[in-house]
Amino acid sequence: MKLKYLAIALMAVLFSSCTESVMDDINADKANPPAEMVSGKFIIPGAIMNTAFNTISGNYAWYISSFTEQEFGTGDNQLRRAELRDPGEIAASTCFNNEWNDTYTTMHSLYEVMQKCAEGGMDEGKDDLLGMAKVLMAMELGVLTDLHGDIPYKEALTGLNNLQPKMDKQEDIYKDIFTLLDEGIACLENGGSYVGSSDILFNGDTDQWIGLAYALKARYKLHLYYRDNNVLNDVIKYATKATAYFDGAELDVFDPDNNNNPWTAYFWSRLYTGSSKTVADLMEDRNDPRLEVYSLNFFGWDLTAEPGDEEAARLTQACNAPAWLDNGAATIHVFSKSELYFILAEAKARLGKDASADFATAVEASFDDFQNSDPGYTYFEASSAAAYIATLPVTLKEIMVQKYLSQVRDEQIEAYNDIRRCKALGEEFIKLTNPKNTNSNGNAWPLRLPYGNSDVLANPNVREAFGTGNEAGKYIFTQPVWWAGGTR
């Protein structure tokens, strides 16, 4: 009898175990397996897209385009308030909260890829994957610290393990950026073809990733020029190495029907941006053929707006706008060929070396970019670039002006960095004309961007840096980032 009951009990246990197993299988989300089961190869495409779409060309760039006066903020909403330098808008922790969170999310994903590539990880030995992750991490980290200064980093990427990470100094973060790039180059030089077509930027070409890493080293070395005027030879060395590997990095995955690039999607959904007279005047003074591309009459009003013009800032469908905003398939620059050669030209000019060839290559690349940004129409002849370059002096000022003009396409963040870097050096190559840049309280032009609201609320370390009460966020008008002469 006891054996009978024991058999029944065993059958119940087996049935229960079988049922639990079946239920576990039914409840498993096979379409979205847990992160620990997914190779980093399938995380990299999203990280590349998020870097280009959210970090480089999202809300950061749209607001900054008003601060640099490369575009005009209009539409009687957020960008109007930015254009009029409303501190309640641009100093608020809510202003860039989405981009702050998106960038940290991408960095966390890249951190997970690196963990997967570590010893014992599922992607151990996949050096091409690890190299790409390190280069992207360096770029994400660079944008975040360049815009905000001191930020949480070393304790910030482990998810729930630390919800209140400490702040890292920008000076230390820059050291980490160069370490990441050096390690990334070493991994990529080992070769490998594991990532392959999952790499939506270079289709698995590790040489081009090496070129991007050296270009970033040149960019970030140049950022440090105020802090160390001995960096220029390194800038030239790294930029020259980059030219041996690639001609720039452009994300070319968009189409005009179902997958617009972020600038086109933003323009047609909100109509918050238009052409700025600061740019138009610089182009008119030089008889620049790119002006026709930059200031196109979309809406029947031929208006290139004066920065800070309150009436124009309240208008919708009135300002002229760049032609490429109507091309949803236009590429996004992760790092443009023109920037690379402008970096070379600037470093050589500052050292008293001949910069003419690099300057010409940079301007030619910009002309190609303007023309190709709207392929449905030919705005100027192919020979226009050479004829235009022949009229330009090869001076440090003109190099910086031409770089600024080339960056109106979608490189406003780096233009913002250049303006702040030159300001620290006592140089004003780009004269900003918005009268709202100063007010009765003094400077109203942001020297950096405020921290994101999620961490201001949840992390006392960030909240202390942001400030409280009437002083909350006001530091952005008084404190440059470290590489531009500040303390944090």
Protein backbone atom coordinates (compact mmCIF):
# COMPACT_ATOMS: atom_id res chain seq x y z
CA MET A 1 0.00 0.00 0.00
CA LYS A 2 2.84 2.34 0.90
CA LEU A 3 4.44 1.63 -2.50
CA LYS A 4 1.17 2.55 -4.20
CA TYR A 5 1.03 5.93 -2.44
CA LEU A 6 4.73 6.51 -3.13
CA ALA A 7 4.18 5.85 -6.84
CA ILE A 8 1.26 8.26 -6.89
CA ALA A 9 3.38 10.92 -5.14
CA LEU A 10 6.22 10.42 -7.60
CA MET A 11 3.83 10.71 -10.54
CA ALA A 12 2.48 13.96 -9.05
CA VAL A 13 5.98 15.36 -8.73
CA LEU A 14 6.87 14.33 -12.26
CA PHE A 15 3.61 15.78 -13.60
CA SER A 16 4.24 19.00 -11.68
CA SER A 17 7.81 19.22 -12.99
CA CYS A 18 6.63 18.54 -16.53
CA THR A 19 3.90 21.17 -16.20
CA GLU A 20 6.37 23.76 -14.89
CA SER A 21 8.74 22.96 -17.75
CA VAL A 22 5.97 23.36 -20.29
CA MET A 23 4.82 26.59 -18.69
CA ASP A 24 8.36 27.93 -18.62
CA ASP A 25 8.64 27.21 -22.32
CA ILE A 26 5.25 28.80 -23.04
CA ASN A 27 6.12 31.92 -21.03
CA ALA A 28 9.53 32.36 -22.65
CA ASP A 29 9.66 35.38 -24.99
CA LYS A 30 11.44 33.69 -27.87
CA ALA A 31 11.28 36.86 -29.96
CA ASN A 32 13.15 38.80 -27.27
CA PRO A 33 15.61 36.51 -25.50
CA PRO A 34 17.36 37.81 -22.38
CA ALA A 35 20.38 40.05 -22.95
CA GLU A 36 22.81 37.48 -21.63
CA MET A 37 21.78 35.14 -24.48
CA VAL A 38 22.31 37.69 -27.27
CA SER A 39 25.67 38.10 -28.98
CA GLY A 40 27.14 41.58 -29.05
CA LYS A 41 27.07 41.27 -32.84
CA PHE A 42 23.33 41.97 -32.66
CA ILE A 43 23.70 44.87 -30.22
CA ILE A 44 26.20 46.84 -32.35
CA PRO A 45 23.68 47.87 -35.08
CA GLY A 46 21.43 49.54 -32.50
CA ALA A 47 24.40 51.23 -30.85
CA ILE A 48 25.55 52.67 -34.19
CA MET A 49 22.04 53.86 -35.04
CA ASN A 50 21.48 55.40 -31.61
CA THR A 51 24.84 57.18 -31.77
CA ALA A 52 23.99 58.80 -35.10
CA PHE A 53 20.24 59.26 -34.64
CA ASN A 54 19.90 60.27 -30.98
CA THR A 55 23.27 61.41 -29.66
CA ILE A 56 24.75 63.23 -32.67
CA SER A 57 21.66 64.35 -34.60
CA GLY A 58 18.85 64.57 -32.08
CA ASN A 59 17.75 67.21 -29.62
CA TYR A 60 21.34 68.09 -28.72
CA ALA A 61 22.07 69.16 -32.29
CA TRP A 62 18.74 70.92 -32.82
CA TYR A 63 19.16 73.22 -29.85
CA ILE A 64 22.87 73.70 -30.46
CA SER A 65 22.15 74.76 -34.06
CA SER A 66 20.45 77.82 -32.53
CA PHE A 67 23.31 78.45 -30.08
CA THR A 68 25.87 78.34 -32.91
CA GLU A 69 23.51 80.35 -35.16
CA GLN A 70 23.96 77.78 -37.90
CA GLU A 71 20.19 77.49 -38.02
CA PHE A 72 17.31 79.55 -36.68
CA GLY A 73 14.90 78.30 -34.00
CA THR A 74 11.32 78.99 -34.98
CA GLY A 75 7.83 77.52 -34.76
CA ASP A 76 6.65 79.32 -31.60
CA ASN A 77 7.65 76.50 -29.26
CA GLN A 78 10.80 74.95 -27.73
CA LEU A 79 13.20 76.15 -30.41
CA ARG A 80 11.67 79.64 -30.29
CA ARG A 81 12.50 79.72 -26.58
CA ALA A 82 16.01 78.49 -27.34
CA GLU A 83 16.40 81.14 -30.03
CA LEU A 84 15.35 83.82 -27.56
CA ARG A 85 17.71 82.33 -24.93
CA ASP A 86 14.96 81.67 -22.42
CA PRO A 87 16.79 80.32 -19.34
CA GLY A 88 13.64 78.53 -18.22
CA GLU A 89 14.01 76.40 -21.35
CA ILE A 90 17.72 75.93 -21.94
CA ALA A 91 18.89 75.72 -18.31
CA ALA A 92 16.20 73.24 -17.25
CA SER A 93 17.16 69.67 -16.44
CA THR A 94 14.18 68.51 -18.51
CA CYS A 95 15.53 70.12 -21.71
CA PHE A 96 17.97 67.36 -22.68
CA ASN A 97 16.72 64.58 -20.44
CA ASN A 98 15.78 62.23 -23.30
CA GLU A 99 19.17 62.59 -24.98
CA TRP A 100 20.95 62.21 -21.63
CA ASN A 101 19.06 58.95 -21.01
CA ASP A 102 19.44 57.68 -24.58
CA THR A 103 23.19 58.23 -24.53
CA TYR A 104 23.62 56.43 -21.23
CA THR A 105 21.44 53.57 -22.50
CA THR A 106 23.67 53.20 -25.55
CA MET A 107 26.81 53.34 -23.40
CA HIS A 108 25.35 50.64 -21.13
CA SER A 109 24.72 48.45 -24.20
CA LEU A 110 28.30 48.96 -25.33
CA TYR A 111 29.52 48.11 -21.83
CA GLU A 112 27.56 44.84 -22.09
CA VAL A 113 29.22 44.09 -25.44
CA MET A 114 32.62 44.59 -23.86
CA GLN A 115 31.67 42.21 -21.03
CA LYS A 116 30.59 39.60 -23.56
CA CYS A 117 33.99 39.94 -25.27
CA ALA A 118 35.90 39.52 -22.00
CA GLU A 119 37.51 36.25 -20.96
CA GLY A 120 34.82 33.62 -20.48
CA GLY A 121 32.19 35.71 -22.26
CA MET A 122 30.11 34.40 -25.12
CA ASP A 123 31.97 36.67 -27.59
CA GLU A 124 35.47 36.12 -26.24
CA GLY A 125 38.06 36.52 -28.98
CA LYS A 126 35.79 38.53 -31.29
CA ASP A 127 38.29 41.38 -31.61
CA ASP A 128 36.48 43.22 -34.40
CA LEU A 129 33.36 43.40 -32.24
CA LEU A 130 35.28 44.55 -29.18
CA GLY A 131 37.16 47.18 -31.18
CA MET A 132 33.95 48.65 -32.60
CA ALA A 133 32.38 48.77 -29.14
CA LYS A 134 35.36 50.64 -27.69
CA VAL A 135 35.43 53.21 -30.51
CA LEU A 136 31.70 53.84 -30.19
CA MET A 137 32.01 54.11 -26.41
CA ALA A 138 34.75 56.72 -26.82
CA MET A 139 32.53 58.74 -29.17
CA GLU A 140 29.45 58.54 -26.92
CA LEU A 141 31.53 59.46 -23.90
CA GLY A 142 33.14 62.32 -25.80
CA VAL A 143 29.83 63.88 -26.80
CA LEU A 144 28.44 63.56 -23.29
CA THR A 145 31.41 65.13 -21.51
CA ASP A 146 31.96 67.81 -24.16
CA LEU A 147 28.39 68.99 -23.68
CA HIS A 148 27.96 68.54 -19.93
CA GLY A 149 31.47 68.58 -18.42
CA ASP A 150 31.94 66.31 -15.39
CA ILE A 151 29.56 63.34 -15.64
CA PRO A 152 29.02 59.93 -14.03
CA TYR A 153 30.98 57.32 -15.97
CA LYS A 154 33.05 54.64 -14.26
CA GLU A 155 30.28 53.70 -11.84
CA ALA A 156 27.42 54.53 -14.20
CA LEU A 157 27.19 51.61 -16.64
CA THR A 158 26.46 48.62 -14.42
CA GLY A 159 22.70 49.11 -14.32
CA LEU A 160 20.95 48.32 -11.04
CA ASN A 161 24.27 47.62 -9.33
CA ASN A 162 24.77 51.35 -8.73
CA LEU A 163 21.90 53.79 -9.10
CA GLN A 164 23.80 56.78 -7.70
CA PRO A 165 27.21 56.74 -9.41
CA LYS A 166 29.76 59.38 -8.53
CA MET A 167 30.80 62.15 -10.90
CA ASP A 168 34.02 61.75 -12.90
CA LYS A 169 36.13 64.78 -13.76
CA GLN A 170 36.28 65.74 -17.43
CA GLU A 171 40.07 65.68 -17.33
CA ASP A 172 39.97 62.03 -16.24
CA ILE A 173 37.26 61.15 -18.75
CA TYR A 174 39.44 62.46 -21.56
CA LYS A 175 42.18 60.08 -20.46
CA ASP A 176 39.64 57.26 -20.59
CA ILE A 177 38.59 58.31 -24.10
CA PHE A 178 42.14 57.99 -25.41
CA THR A 179 42.56 54.65 -23.64
CA LEU A 180 39.37 53.34 -25.24
CA LEU A 181 40.51 54.49 -28.68
CA ASP A 182 43.98 52.98 -28.31
CA GLU A 183 42.51 49.68 -27.11
CA GLY A 184 39.95 49.78 -29.90
CA ILE A 185 42.64 50.28 -32.53
CA ALA A 186 44.66 47.37 -31.10
CA CYS A 187 41.61 45.09 -31.31
CA LEU A 188 40.71 46.19 -34.83
CA GLU A 189 44.27 45.69 -36.04
CA ASN A 190 43.87 42.02 -35.12
CA GLY A 191 41.27 41.87 -37.85
CA GLY A 192 38.33 39.51 -37.76
CA SER A 193 35.08 39.24 -39.67
CA TYR A 194 32.63 38.22 -36.97
CA VAL A 195 30.44 41.33 -37.11
CA GLY A 196 30.22 41.52 -40.90
CA SER A 197 27.01 43.03 -42.27
CA SER A 198 25.69 43.67 -38.74
CA ASP A 199 28.00 46.69 -38.89
CA ILE A 200 25.62 49.19 -40.53
CA LEU A 201 28.32 51.87 -40.70
CA PHE A 202 31.24 50.17 -42.50
CA ASN A 203 29.86 46.71 -43.29
CA GLY A 204 32.51 45.03 -41.14
CA ASP A 205 35.49 46.86 -42.68
CA THR A 206 37.87 47.07 -39.71
CA ASP A 207 40.28 49.36 -41.57
CA GLN A 208 37.63 52.06 -41.75
CA TRP A 209 36.93 51.63 -38.05
CA ILE A 210 40.64 52.16 -37.42
CA GLY A 211 40.43 55.33 -39.50
CA LEU A 212 37.49 56.54 -37.44
CA ALA A 213 39.39 55.84 -34.21
CA TYR A 214 42.40 57.88 -35.35
CA ALA A 215 40.12 60.70 -36.53
CA LEU A 216 38.52 60.78 -33.08
CA LYS A 217 41.95 60.85 -31.46
CA ALA A 218 42.79 63.89 -33.60
CA ARG A 219 39.49 65.60 -32.71
CA TYR A 220 39.84 65.07 -28.98
CA LYS A 221 43.51 66.06 -28.95
CA LEU A 222 42.56 69.31 -30.66
CA HIS A 223 39.90 69.94 -28.00
CA LEU A 224 42.74 69.99 -25.46
CA TYR A 225 44.70 72.75 -27.21
CA TYR A 226 43.80 75.38 -24.61
CA ARG A 227 45.01 73.06 -21.83
CA ASP A 228 48.12 71.89 -23.68
CA ASN A 229 49.45 73.85 -26.66
CA ASN A 230 51.87 71.02 -27.44
CA VAL A 231 49.14 68.74 -28.82
CA LEU A 232 49.24 69.97 -32.43
CA ASN A 233 51.89 67.57 -33.70
CA ASP A 234 49.88 64.69 -32.26
CA VAL A 235 46.76 66.09 -33.91
CA ILE A 236 48.52 66.05 -37.29
CA LYS A 237 49.92 62.57 -36.68
CA TYR A 238 46.56 61.04 -35.81
CA ALA A 239 44.61 62.85 -38.52
CA THR A 240 47.17 61.83 -41.13
CA LYS A 241 46.87 58.20 -40.02
CA ALA A 242 43.11 58.48 -40.32
CA THR A 243 43.34 59.64 -43.94
CA ALA A 244 45.15 56.40 -44.81
CA TYR A 245 42.12 54.36 -43.77
CA PHE A 246 38.93 56.23 -44.59
CA ASP A 247 37.24 59.25 -46.20
CA GLY A 248 34.81 59.93 -43.41
CA ALA A 249 31.99 58.00 -41.76
CA GLU A 250 28.40 58.50 -42.93
CA LEU A 251 25.41 56.45 -41.85
CA ASP A 252 23.52 55.69 -45.05
CA VAL A 253 20.47 53.66 -44.02
CA PHE A 254 17.61 56.12 -44.46
CA ASP A 255 14.90 56.40 -47.11
CA PRO A 256 12.43 59.19 -47.92
CA ASP A 257 9.28 57.12 -47.44
CA ASN A 258 9.41 55.02 -44.31
CA ASN A 259 12.69 55.78 -42.53
CA ASN A 260 13.63 59.46 -42.67
CA ASN A 261 16.86 60.68 -41.18
CA PRO A 262 16.29 62.57 -37.90
CA TRP A 263 16.71 66.07 -39.35
CA THR A 264 14.06 65.55 -42.04
CA ALA A 265 11.67 63.87 -39.61
CA TYR A 266 12.13 66.74 -37.18
CA PHE A 267 11.72 69.44 -39.82
CA TRP A 268 8.50 68.18 -41.35
CA SER A 269 6.91 67.08 -38.08
CA ARG A 270 7.58 70.34 -36.20
CA LEU A 271 8.89 73.05 -38.56
CA TYR A 272 11.11 74.31 -35.74
CA THR A 273 14.21 75.16 -37.75
CA GLY A 274 15.18 77.48 -40.58
CA SER A 275 18.10 79.26 -42.22
CA SER A 276 20.12 81.78 -40.20
CA LYS A 277 21.38 85.11 -41.49
CA THR A 278 24.70 84.54 -39.68
CA VAL A 279 25.49 81.72 -42.11
CA ALA A 280 23.88 83.41 -45.10
CA ASP A 281 25.92 86.60 -44.59
CA LEU A 282 29.19 84.65 -44.42
CA MET A 283 28.27 82.88 -47.64
CA GLU A 284 27.12 86.05 -49.40
CA ASP A 285 30.35 87.84 -48.45
CA ARG A 286 32.27 85.06 -50.22
CA ASN A 287 29.90 84.59 -53.18
CA ASP A 288 29.53 81.02 -51.95
CA PRO A 289 27.56 78.71 -54.31
CA ARG A 290 26.41 76.66 -51.30
CA LEU A 291 24.07 79.49 -50.24
CA GLU A 292 21.39 78.29 -52.66
CA VAL A 293 21.43 74.89 -50.96
CA TYR A 294 21.46 76.35 -47.46
CA SER A 295 18.65 78.90 -47.80
CA LEU A 296 15.82 77.48 -49.87
CA ASN A 297 12.40 79.10 -50.05
CA PHE A 298 10.06 76.24 -49.07
CA PHE A 299 6.95 78.14 -48.03
CA GLY A 300 6.66 81.21 -50.29
CA TRP A 301 8.21 83.66 -47.84
CA ASP A 302 11.79 84.51 -48.75
CA LEU A 303 13.07 84.93 -45.21
CA THR A 304 16.52 84.11 -43.89
CA ALA A 305 16.04 85.04 -40.26
CA GLU A 306 18.16 87.31 -38.08
CA PRO A 307 19.27 85.41 -34.96
CA GLY A 308 17.13 86.45 -32.01
CA ASP A 309 14.35 87.95 -34.17
CA GLU A 310 11.29 87.53 -31.91
CA GLU A 311 8.73 87.86 -34.68
CA ALA A 312 10.45 85.32 -36.95
CA ALA A 313 10.85 82.94 -34.03
CA ARG A 314 7.08 82.84 -33.65
CA LEU A 315 6.41 82.05 -37.29
CA THR A 316 5.56 78.64 -38.70
CA GLN A 317 6.20 77.74 -42.34
CA ALA A 318 7.89 81.04 -43.05
CA CYS A 319 11.66 80.80 -42.77
CA ASN A 320 13.82 79.55 -45.58
CA ALA A 321 15.51 76.24 -44.75
CA PRO A 322 18.38 74.06 -46.01
CA ALA A 323 17.46 71.89 -48.99
CA TRP A 324 18.67 68.68 -47.35
CA LEU A 325 15.89 68.89 -44.78
CA ASP A 326 13.53 67.81 -47.55
CA ASN A 327 15.58 64.69 -48.30
CA GLY A 328 14.74 61.95 -45.83
CA ALA A 329 17.44 59.74 -47.35
CA ALA A 330 20.27 62.19 -46.61
CA THR A 331 23.10 60.54 -44.71
CA ILE A 332 24.11 61.39 -41.15
CA HIS A 333 27.75 62.23 -40.54
CA VAL A 334 29.32 60.21 -37.78
CA PHE A 335 32.60 61.91 -38.72
CA SER A 336 32.85 63.82 -41.99
CA LYS A 337 35.73 63.87 -44.42
CA SER A 338 35.65 67.68 -44.33
CA GLU A 339 36.10 67.75 -40.54
CA LEU A 340 39.13 65.48 -40.78
CA TYR A 341 40.89 67.74 -43.29
CA PHE A 342 39.86 70.93 -41.49
CA ILE A 343 41.50 69.49 -38.37
CA LEU A 344 44.69 68.95 -40.35
CA ALA A 345 44.49 72.42 -41.85
CA GLU A 346 43.95 74.13 -38.50
CA ALA A 347 46.77 72.29 -36.74
CA LYS A 348 49.20 73.06 -39.57
CA ALA A 349 48.15 76.72 -39.74
CA ARG A 350 48.67 77.12 -36.01
CA LEU A 351 52.16 75.67 -36.41
CA GLY A 352 52.96 77.95 -39.35
CA LYS A 353 52.98 75.05 -41.84
CA ASP A 354 51.48 74.97 -45.33
CA ALA A 355 47.80 74.05 -44.88
CA SER A 356 46.62 74.82 -48.42
CA ALA A 357 46.23 71.25 -49.69
CA ASP A 358 44.29 70.07 -46.62
CA PHE A 359 42.16 73.23 -46.67
CA ALA A 360 41.27 72.68 -50.33
CA THR A 361 40.39 69.02 -49.72
CA ALA A 362 38.17 69.99 -46.78
CA VAL A 363 36.24 72.62 -48.76
CA GLU A 364 35.88 70.29 -51.76
CA ALA A 365 34.47 67.61 -49.48
CA SER A 366 31.94 70.11 -48.13
CA PHE A 367 30.85 71.09 -51.65
CA ASP A 368 30.35 67.40 -52.50
CA ASP A 369 28.38 66.95 -49.32
CA PHE A 370 26.08 69.92 -50.00
CA GLN A 371 25.47 68.75 -53.56
CA ASN A 372 24.86 65.13 -52.59
CA SER A 373 22.58 66.02 -49.69
CA ASP A 374 19.82 66.77 -52.19
CA PRO A 375 20.57 64.60 -55.24
CA GLY A 376 17.40 65.53 -57.09
CA TYR A 377 18.76 68.91 -58.17
CA THR A 378 22.12 70.24 -59.34
CA TYR A 379 22.79 73.47 -57.46
CA PHE A 380 26.25 74.25 -58.81
CA GLU A 381 28.73 72.89 -61.31
CA ALA A 382 31.40 70.42 -60.32
CA SER A 383 34.06 73.02 -61.07
CA SER A 384 32.55 75.48 -58.60
CA ALA A 385 34.55 74.22 -55.63
CA ALA A 386 37.95 74.81 -57.27
CA ALA A 387 36.94 78.26 -58.49
CA TYR A 388 35.64 79.16 -55.03
CA ILE A 389 38.73 77.86 -53.22
CA ALA A 390 40.94 79.99 -55.48
CA THR A 391 39.28 83.11 -54.01
CA LEU A 392 39.92 82.17 -50.37
CA PRO A 393 42.95 83.09 -48.24
CA VAL A 394 44.51 80.14 -46.42
CA THR A 395 44.49 81.71 -42.98
CA LEU A 396 43.53 80.32 -39.59
CA LYS A 397 40.44 82.53 -39.57
CA GLU A 398 39.25 81.35 -42.97
CA ILE A 399 39.90 77.73 -42.07
CA MET A 400 37.63 78.11 -39.03
CA VAL A 401 34.97 80.01 -41.00
CA GLN A 402 34.90 77.36 -43.73
CA LYS A 403 34.74 74.59 -41.16
CA TYR A 404 31.78 76.34 -39.52
CA LEU A 405 30.01 76.65 -42.89
CA SER A 406 30.62 73.01 -43.76
CA GLN A 407 29.19 71.90 -40.41
CA VAL A 408 25.75 73.44 -40.96
CA ARG A 409 24.77 70.14 -42.61
CA ASP A 410 24.54 68.09 -39.39
CA GLU A 411 27.73 68.70 -37.35
CA GLN A 412 26.52 71.42 -35.01
CA ILE A 413 27.90 69.74 -31.89
CA GLU A 414 31.46 69.98 -33.16
CA ALA A 415 30.90 73.58 -34.30
CA TYR A 416 29.76 74.36 -30.75
CA ASN A 417 32.94 72.75 -29.43
CA ASP A 418 35.06 74.83 -31.82
CA ILE A 419 33.40 78.10 -30.83
CA ARG A 420 33.89 77.37 -27.12
CA ARG A 421 37.47 76.19 -27.65
CA CYS A 422 38.38 79.31 -29.60
CA LYS A 423 36.61 81.50 -27.04
CA ALA A 424 38.88 80.04 -24.34
CA LEU A 425 41.87 80.96 -26.51
CA GLY A 426 40.61 84.55 -26.87
CA GLU A 427 39.72 84.00 -30.53
CA GLU A 428 36.47 85.00 -32.25
CA PHE A 429 36.53 83.63 -35.77
CA ILE A 430 32.72 83.26 -35.82
CA LYS A 431 30.95 86.40 -34.68
CA LEU A 432 27.64 85.41 -33.09
CA THR A 433 25.04 88.15 -33.62
CA ASN A 434 22.01 87.09 -31.56
CA PRO A 435 21.32 90.07 -29.25
CA LYS A 436 19.73 87.66 -26.75
CA ASN A 437 23.16 86.13 -26.06
CA THR A 438 23.43 88.67 -23.25
CA ASN A 439 20.78 90.07 -20.92
CA SER A 440 20.52 92.14 -17.75
CA ASN A 441 22.08 89.29 -15.77
CA GLY A 442 25.09 89.03 -18.09
CA ASN A 443 25.90 86.11 -20.38
CA ALA A 444 22.86 84.18 -21.65
CA TRP A 445 24.70 81.98 -24.17
CA PRO A 446 25.12 78.44 -22.81
CA LEU A 447 28.74 77.55 -22.11
CA ARG A 448 27.61 73.95 -21.60
CA LEU A 449 24.34 72.02 -21.37
CA PRO A 450 22.42 71.11 -18.19
CA TYR A 451 22.31 67.59 -16.77
CA GLY A 452 19.35 65.31 -17.44
CA ASN A 453 16.35 65.44 -15.13
CA SER A 454 16.32 61.71 -14.36
CA ASP A 455 19.69 61.93 -12.61
CA VAL A 456 19.12 65.37 -11.14
CA LEU A 457 16.15 63.85 -9.32
CA ALA A 458 17.59 60.42 -8.50
CA ASN A 459 21.34 60.93 -8.03
CA PRO A 460 22.46 63.35 -5.29
CA ASN A 461 25.88 63.62 -6.94
CA VAL A 462 24.34 65.01 -10.12
CA ARG A 463 21.83 67.11 -8.18
CA GLU A 464 24.65 68.81 -6.27
CA ALA A 465 26.41 69.65 -9.54
CA PHE A 466 23.16 70.94 -11.09
CA GLY A 467 22.31 73.17 -8.14
CA THR A 468 19.07 73.81 -6.29
CA GLY A 469 16.56 76.60 -5.82
CA ASN A 470 17.07 79.79 -7.81
CA GLU A 471 20.57 78.71 -8.81
CA ALA A 472 19.52 75.40 -10.36
CA GLY A 473 21.00 75.09 -13.84
CA LYS A 474 22.37 78.64 -13.90
CA TYR A 475 25.95 77.36 -13.91
CA ILE A 476 25.63 76.73 -17.66
CA PHE A 477 25.96 80.49 -18.24
CA THR A 478 28.98 81.03 -16.01
CA GLN A 479 31.13 77.88 -16.00
CA PRO A 480 32.95 76.65 -19.13
CA VAL A 481 33.79 72.97 -19.36
CA TRP A 482 37.28 71.99 -18.19
CA TRP A 483 38.94 71.90 -21.62
CA ALA A 484 37.60 75.41 -22.31
CA GLY A 485 39.09 76.86 -19.14
CA GLY A 486 36.59 75.80 -16.46
CA THR A 487 37.05 73.60 -13.44
CA ARG A 488 34.50 70.89 -14.26
